[in-house]
Amino acid sequence: FGYSGSYTAAAHGLEPAMVTTDNVVQDPDQEFDPGDGYSNWHLIPVSGAAHFRVAIPPEATEPDADLDVYVFDPDGNLAASSTSGGTDELIDIALPMDGTWYVLVHGWAAPGGDSDYDMYSWVISATPGGNLTIDSAPTAATTGATETIDVSWTGATGGQWHLGAVSHTGPDGLMGLTLVNVDNR
């Protein structure tokens, strides 16, 4: 089952990361429990989004820390988790529902009893526009084929991490997103 036919690409502007700085304490039993006090709760409003991302890269906390991330949807269901060894956490959620999302940062291993961290989050609008521009794109697509889409942008400020998207749409609607990551940190 494949697709071959008309196609359009649309740019969804680059958004700078929302940076949340906090400190989480060591969980003595290293078992994630959202109610035991060893995870920090962060509420992120999402409305009309094509994509929602949360990240804590290794350099965003102290060496040897192992912080994990859990994301719950507005209905309170676990939507995703990132529990990599060490701290290198990344969660991507395409077409998130509207509402308040809950991001929990768990202190699985916090050297010295606690760890400072920076958590990065982005909400990319489902409405095309903004400072990301498609310079060239094909007008037809075929499943499994590779084509080139050229993009450019303005306003990606130095010292910040930006995320945008290119949506791919056919006659039956959205076929997918390609994320555009501009890291000027």
C-alpha atoms as a PDB file:
ATOM      1  CA  PHE A   1       0.000   0.000   0.000  1.00  0.00           C
ATOM      2  CA  GLY A   2       1.616   3.240  -1.052  1.00  0.00           C
ATOM      3  CA  TYR A   3       0.898   6.736  -2.195  1.00  0.00           C
ATOM      4  CA  SER A   4       1.681   8.452  -5.455  1.00  0.00           C
ATOM      5  CA  GLY A   5       0.121  11.755  -6.349  1.00  0.00           C
ATOM      6  CA  SER A   6      -0.196  15.441  -5.645  1.00  0.00           C
ATOM      7  CA  TYR A   7       1.509  16.826  -2.620  1.00  0.00           C
ATOM      8  CA  THR A   8       2.142  20.129  -0.857  1.00  0.00           C
ATOM      9  CA  ALA A   9       4.660  21.131   1.759  1.00  0.00           C
ATOM     10  CA  ALA A  10       4.069  23.902   4.280  1.00  0.00           C
ATOM     11  CA  ALA A  11       6.431  25.486   6.801  1.00  0.00           C
ATOM     12  CA  HIS A  12       5.521  25.813  10.460  1.00  0.00           C
ATOM     13  CA  GLY A  13       7.729  28.527  11.999  1.00  0.00           C
ATOM     14  CA  LEU A  14      10.765  27.991  14.150  1.00  0.00           C
ATOM     15  CA  GLU A  15       9.979  28.339  17.831  1.00  0.00           C
ATOM     16  CA  PRO A  16      12.656  29.052  20.447  1.00  0.00           C
ATOM     17  CA  ALA A  17      12.775  26.546  23.274  1.00  0.00           C
ATOM     18  CA  MET A  18      10.995  27.367  26.465  1.00  0.00           C
ATOM     19  CA  VAL A  19      13.721  26.692  29.049  1.00  0.00           C
ATOM     20  CA  THR A  20      12.653  25.593  32.508  1.00  0.00           C
ATOM     21  CA  THR A  21      15.377  25.553  35.161  1.00  0.00           C
ATOM     22  CA  ASP A  22      14.770  23.490  38.281  1.00  0.00           C
ATOM     23  CA  ASN A  23      16.325  21.111  40.809  1.00  0.00           C
ATOM     24  CA  VAL A  24      15.210  17.526  41.462  1.00  0.00           C
ATOM     25  CA  VAL A  25      16.100  15.383  44.469  1.00  0.00           C
ATOM     26  CA  GLN A  26      17.415  11.813  44.452  1.00  0.00           C
ATOM     27  CA  ASP A  27      14.755   9.097  44.549  1.00  0.00           C
ATOM     28  CA  PRO A  28      16.091   6.650  47.178  1.00  0.00           C
ATOM     29  CA  ASP A  29      14.432   3.580  45.643  1.00  0.00           C
ATOM     30  CA  GLN A  30      14.873   4.775  42.000  1.00  0.00           C
ATOM     31  CA  GLU A  31      11.290   3.679  41.219  1.00  0.00           C
ATOM     32  CA  PHE A  32       9.225   6.246  39.337  1.00  0.00           C
ATOM     33  CA  ASP A  33       6.057   7.152  41.223  1.00  0.00           C
ATOM     34  CA  PRO A  34       4.502  10.493  40.253  1.00  0.00           C
ATOM     35  CA  GLY A  35       3.216  11.031  43.772  1.00  0.00           C
ATOM     36  CA  ASP A  36       6.259  10.180  45.911  1.00  0.00           C
ATOM     37  CA  GLY A  37       7.929  13.625  45.814  1.00  0.00           C
ATOM     38  CA  TYR A  38      11.006  12.598  43.811  1.00  0.00           C
ATOM     39  CA  SER A  39       9.783  14.030  40.517  1.00  0.00           C
ATOM     40  CA  ASN A  40       9.197  17.648  39.535  1.00  0.00           C
ATOM     41  CA  TRP A  41       5.908  18.489  37.809  1.00  0.00           C
ATOM     42  CA  HIS A  42       5.918  20.958  34.918  1.00  0.00           C
ATOM     43  CA  LEU A  43       2.633  22.009  33.277  1.00  0.00           C
ATOM     44  CA  ILE A  44       2.767  22.944  29.598  1.00  0.00           C
ATOM     45  CA  PRO A  45      -0.296  24.319  27.810  1.00  0.00           C
ATOM     46  CA  VAL A  46      -0.758  22.984  24.274  1.00  0.00           C
ATOM     47  CA  SER A  47      -3.312  24.327  21.799  1.00  0.00           C
ATOM     48  CA  GLY A  48      -3.561  23.912  18.032  1.00  0.00           C
ATOM     49  CA  ALA A  49      -0.199  22.129  17.832  1.00  0.00           C
ATOM     50  CA  ALA A  50       1.362  20.015  15.121  1.00  0.00           C
ATOM     51  CA  HIS A  51       4.145  18.843  17.420  1.00  0.00           C
ATOM     52  CA  PHE A  52       5.235  18.892  21.068  1.00  0.00           C
ATOM     53  CA  ARG A  53       8.832  18.166  22.135  1.00  0.00           C
ATOM     54  CA  VAL A  54      10.596  17.920  25.502  1.00  0.00           C
ATOM     55  CA  ALA A  55      14.361  17.469  25.880  1.00  0.00           C
ATOM     56  CA  ILE A  56      17.012  17.354  28.586  1.00  0.00           C
ATOM     57  CA  PRO A  57      20.387  16.903  26.840  1.00  0.00           C
ATOM     58  CA  PRO A  58      23.475  15.703  28.755  1.00  0.00           C
ATOM     59  CA  GLU A  59      24.902  19.209  29.149  1.00  0.00           C
ATOM     60  CA  ALA A  60      21.655  20.423  30.780  1.00  0.00           C
ATOM     61  CA  THR A  61      22.493  18.798  34.120  1.00  0.00           C
ATOM     62  CA  GLU A  62      25.570  17.863  36.125  1.00  0.00           C
ATOM     63  CA  PRO A  63      27.933  15.029  35.086  1.00  0.00           C
ATOM     64  CA  ASP A  64      26.884  11.553  36.257  1.00  0.00           C
ATOM     65  CA  ALA A  65      23.251  12.592  36.804  1.00  0.00           C
ATOM     66  CA  ASP A  66      20.569  10.302  35.409  1.00  0.00           C
ATOM     67  CA  LEU A  67      17.300  12.188  35.182  1.00  0.00           C
ATOM     68  CA  ASP A  68      14.308  10.639  33.431  1.00  0.00           C
ATOM     69  CA  VAL A  69      11.299  12.315  31.796  1.00  0.00           C
ATOM     70  CA  TYR A  70       7.664  11.184  31.775  1.00  0.00           C
ATOM     71  CA  VAL A  71       4.928  12.992  29.821  1.00  0.00           C
ATOM     72  CA  PHE A  72       1.233  12.674  30.637  1.00  0.00           C
ATOM     73  CA  ASP A  73      -1.526  13.917  28.316  1.00  0.00           C
ATOM     74  CA  PRO A  74      -4.315  16.270  29.463  1.00  0.00           C
ATOM     75  CA  ASP A  75      -6.436  13.237  30.437  1.00  0.00           C
ATOM     76  CA  GLY A  76      -3.697  12.018  32.802  1.00  0.00           C
ATOM     77  CA  ASN A  77      -2.540   9.100  30.622  1.00  0.00           C
ATOM     78  CA  LEU A  78       1.165   8.340  30.275  1.00  0.00           C
ATOM     79  CA  ALA A  79       1.879   9.420  26.677  1.00  0.00           C
ATOM     80  CA  ALA A  80       5.646   8.884  26.543  1.00  0.00           C
ATOM     81  CA  SER A  81       8.769   8.452  28.624  1.00  0.00           C
ATOM     82  CA  SER A  82      12.498   8.809  28.115  1.00  0.00           C
ATOM     83  CA  THR A  83      14.646   6.808  30.519  1.00  0.00           C
ATOM     84  CA  SER A  84      18.010   6.667  28.776  1.00  0.00           C
ATOM     85  CA  GLY A  85      21.073   5.705  30.790  1.00  0.00           C
ATOM     86  CA  GLY A  86      22.594   8.980  31.937  1.00  0.00           C
ATOM     87  CA  THR A  87      20.679  12.109  31.071  1.00  0.00           C
ATOM     88  CA  ASP A  88      20.008  12.398  27.337  1.00  0.00           C
ATOM     89  CA  GLU A  89      16.241  12.588  27.234  1.00  0.00           C
ATOM     90  CA  LEU A  90      14.070  13.430  24.213  1.00  0.00           C
ATOM     91  CA  ILE A  91      10.320  13.021  23.724  1.00  0.00           C
ATOM     92  CA  ASP A  92       8.462  13.923  20.518  1.00  0.00           C
ATOM     93  CA  ILE A  93       4.670  13.859  20.316  1.00  0.00           C
ATOM     94  CA  ALA A  94       3.055  14.468  16.928  1.00  0.00           C
ATOM     95  CA  LEU A  95      -0.389  16.082  16.779  1.00  0.00           C
ATOM     96  CA  PRO A  96      -0.837  16.405  20.555  1.00  0.00           C
ATOM     97  CA  MET A  97      -4.338  16.999  21.892  1.00  0.00           C
ATOM     98  CA  ASP A  98      -5.208  20.436  23.219  1.00  0.00           C
ATOM     99  CA  GLY A  99      -4.955  20.977  26.956  1.00  0.00           C
ATOM    100  CA  THR A 100      -2.403  21.055  29.744  1.00  0.00           C
ATOM    101  CA  TRP A 101       0.317  18.430  29.397  1.00  0.00           C
ATOM    102  CA  TYR A 102       2.231  17.245  32.457  1.00  0.00           C
ATOM    103  CA  VAL A 103       5.977  16.703  32.232  1.00  0.00           C
ATOM    104  CA  LEU A 104       7.641  14.989  35.173  1.00  0.00           C
ATOM    105  CA  VAL A 105      11.412  15.015  35.670  1.00  0.00           C
ATOM    106  CA  HIS A 106      12.420  12.104  37.903  1.00  0.00           C
ATOM    107  CA  GLY A 107      15.589  12.068  40.023  1.00  0.00           C
ATOM    108  CA  TRP A 108      16.674   8.503  39.238  1.00  0.00           C
ATOM    109  CA  ALA A 109      20.317   9.330  40.039  1.00  0.00           C
ATOM    110  CA  ALA A 110      21.190  12.761  41.424  1.00  0.00           C
ATOM    111  CA  PRO A 111      24.836  12.953  42.582  1.00  0.00           C
ATOM    112  CA  GLY A 112      25.077  14.620  45.976  1.00  0.00           C
ATOM    113  CA  GLY A 113      21.360  14.146  46.607  1.00  0.00           C
ATOM    114  CA  ASP A 114      19.956  16.584  44.052  1.00  0.00           C
ATOM    115  CA  SER A 115      20.559  17.832  40.517  1.00  0.00           C
ATOM    116  CA  ASP A 116      19.975  21.146  38.796  1.00  0.00           C
ATOM    117  CA  TYR A 117      18.703  20.858  35.235  1.00  0.00           C
ATOM    118  CA  ASP A 118      17.439  22.798  32.240  1.00  0.00           C
ATOM    119  CA  MET A 119      14.434  21.293  30.478  1.00  0.00           C
ATOM    120  CA  TYR A 120      13.709  22.454  26.920  1.00  0.00           C
ATOM    121  CA  SER A 121      10.210  22.322  25.461  1.00  0.00           C
ATOM    122  CA  TRP A 122       8.571  23.397  22.199  1.00  0.00           C
ATOM    123  CA  VAL A 123       5.002  23.580  20.934  1.00  0.00           C
ATOM    124  CA  ILE A 124       4.935  23.864  17.114  1.00  0.00           C
ATOM    125  CA  SER A 125       1.759  25.370  15.671  1.00  0.00           C
ATOM    126  CA  ALA A 126      -0.373  23.307  13.298  1.00  0.00           C
ATOM    127  CA  THR A 127      -1.023  26.505  11.347  1.00  0.00           C
ATOM    128  CA  PRO A 128       1.631  27.131   8.676  1.00  0.00           C
ATOM    129  CA  GLY A 129       3.501  30.421   8.831  1.00  0.00           C
ATOM    130  CA  GLY A 130       6.183  32.150  10.825  1.00  0.00           C
ATOM    131  CA  ASN A 131       9.873  32.548  10.173  1.00  0.00           C
ATOM    132  CA  LEU A 132      10.507  29.208   8.408  1.00  0.00           C
ATOM    133  CA  THR A 133      10.187  29.355   4.612  1.00  0.00           C
ATOM    134  CA  ILE A 134      10.071  26.633   1.971  1.00  0.00           C
ATOM    135  CA  ASP A 135      12.360  27.712  -0.854  1.00  0.00           C
ATOM    136  CA  SER A 136      11.623  24.736  -3.110  1.00  0.00           C
ATOM    137  CA  ALA A 137       9.609  21.524  -2.840  1.00  0.00           C
ATOM    138  CA  PRO A 138       8.196  18.903  -5.225  1.00  0.00           C
ATOM    139  CA  THR A 139       4.525  19.046  -6.213  1.00  0.00           C
ATOM    140  CA  ALA A 140       4.105  15.255  -6.250  1.00  0.00           C
ATOM    141  CA  ALA A 141       5.165  12.488  -3.871  1.00  0.00           C
ATOM    142  CA  THR A 142       5.547   8.710  -4.046  1.00  0.00           C
ATOM    143  CA  THR A 143       5.888   6.448  -1.002  1.00  0.00           C
ATOM    144  CA  GLY A 144       9.487   5.289  -0.677  1.00  0.00           C
ATOM    145  CA  ALA A 145      10.911   7.928  -3.029  1.00  0.00           C
ATOM    146  CA  THR A 146      13.358  10.569  -1.855  1.00  0.00           C
ATOM    147  CA  GLU A 147      12.940  14.217  -2.780  1.00  0.00           C
ATOM    148  CA  THR A 148      14.610  17.411  -1.617  1.00  0.00           C
ATOM    149  CA  ILE A 149      12.876  20.273   0.155  1.00  0.00           C
ATOM    150  CA  ASP A 150      14.937  23.412   0.660  1.00  0.00           C
ATOM    151  CA  VAL A 151      14.088  25.610   3.654  1.00  0.00           C
ATOM    152  CA  SER A 152      15.443  28.836   5.061  1.00  0.00           C
ATOM    153  CA  TRP A 153      14.640  30.854   8.133  1.00  0.00           C
ATOM    154  CA  THR A 154      15.080  34.186   9.833  1.00  0.00           C
ATOM    155  CA  GLY A 155      15.210  35.129  13.483  1.00  0.00           C
ATOM    156  CA  ALA A 156      16.866  32.022  14.940  1.00  0.00           C
ATOM    157  CA  THR A 157      18.557  33.921  17.749  1.00  0.00           C
ATOM    158  CA  GLY A 158      22.072  33.000  18.826  1.00  0.00           C
ATOM    159  CA  GLY A 159      22.245  31.278  22.196  1.00  0.00           C
ATOM    160  CA  GLN A 160      18.862  29.577  21.692  1.00  0.00           C
ATOM    161  CA  TRP A 161      17.607  26.226  20.437  1.00  0.00           C
ATOM    162  CA  HIS A 162      14.783  26.398  17.866  1.00  0.00           C
ATOM    163  CA  LEU A 163      12.409  23.812  16.428  1.00  0.00           C
ATOM    164  CA  GLY A 164      10.049  24.049  13.468  1.00  0.00           C
ATOM    165  CA  ALA A 165       8.396  21.657  11.051  1.00  0.00           C
ATOM    166  CA  VAL A 166       7.506  21.066   7.433  1.00  0.00           C
ATOM    167  CA  SER A 167       4.122  19.412   6.967  1.00  0.00           C
ATOM    168  CA  HIS A 168       3.517  17.062   4.049  1.00  0.00           C
ATOM    169  CA  THR A 169      -0.080  17.020   2.796  1.00  0.00           C
ATOM    170  CA  GLY A 170      -1.841  15.025   0.089  1.00  0.00           C
ATOM    171  CA  PRO A 171      -5.477  14.969  -1.065  1.00  0.00           C
ATOM    172  CA  ASP A 172      -6.533  13.015   2.040  1.00  0.00           C
ATOM    173  CA  GLY A 173      -4.832  15.381   4.503  1.00  0.00           C
ATOM    174  CA  LEU A 174      -1.652  15.402   6.560  1.00  0.00           C
ATOM    175  CA  MET A 175       0.775  12.616   5.642  1.00  0.00           C
ATOM    176  CA  GLY A 176       3.542  13.557   8.101  1.00  0.00           C
ATOM    177  CA  LEU A 177       5.948  16.126   9.493  1.00  0.00           C
ATOM    178  CA  THR A 178       9.657  16.686   9.058  1.00  0.00           C
ATOM    179  CA  LEU A 179      11.175  18.461  12.056  1.00  0.00           C
ATOM    180  CA  VAL A 180      13.658  21.298  11.485  1.00  0.00           C
ATOM    181  CA  ASN A 181      16.110  21.654  14.385  1.00  0.00           C
ATOM    182  CA  VAL A 182      18.280  24.806  14.612  1.00  0.00           C
ATOM    183  CA  ASP A 183      20.562  24.669  17.642  1.00  0.00           C
ATOM    184  CA  ASN A 184      22.302  28.016  18.178  1.00  0.00           C
ATOM    185  CA  ARG A 185      23.204  27.314  21.809  1.00  0.00           C
END
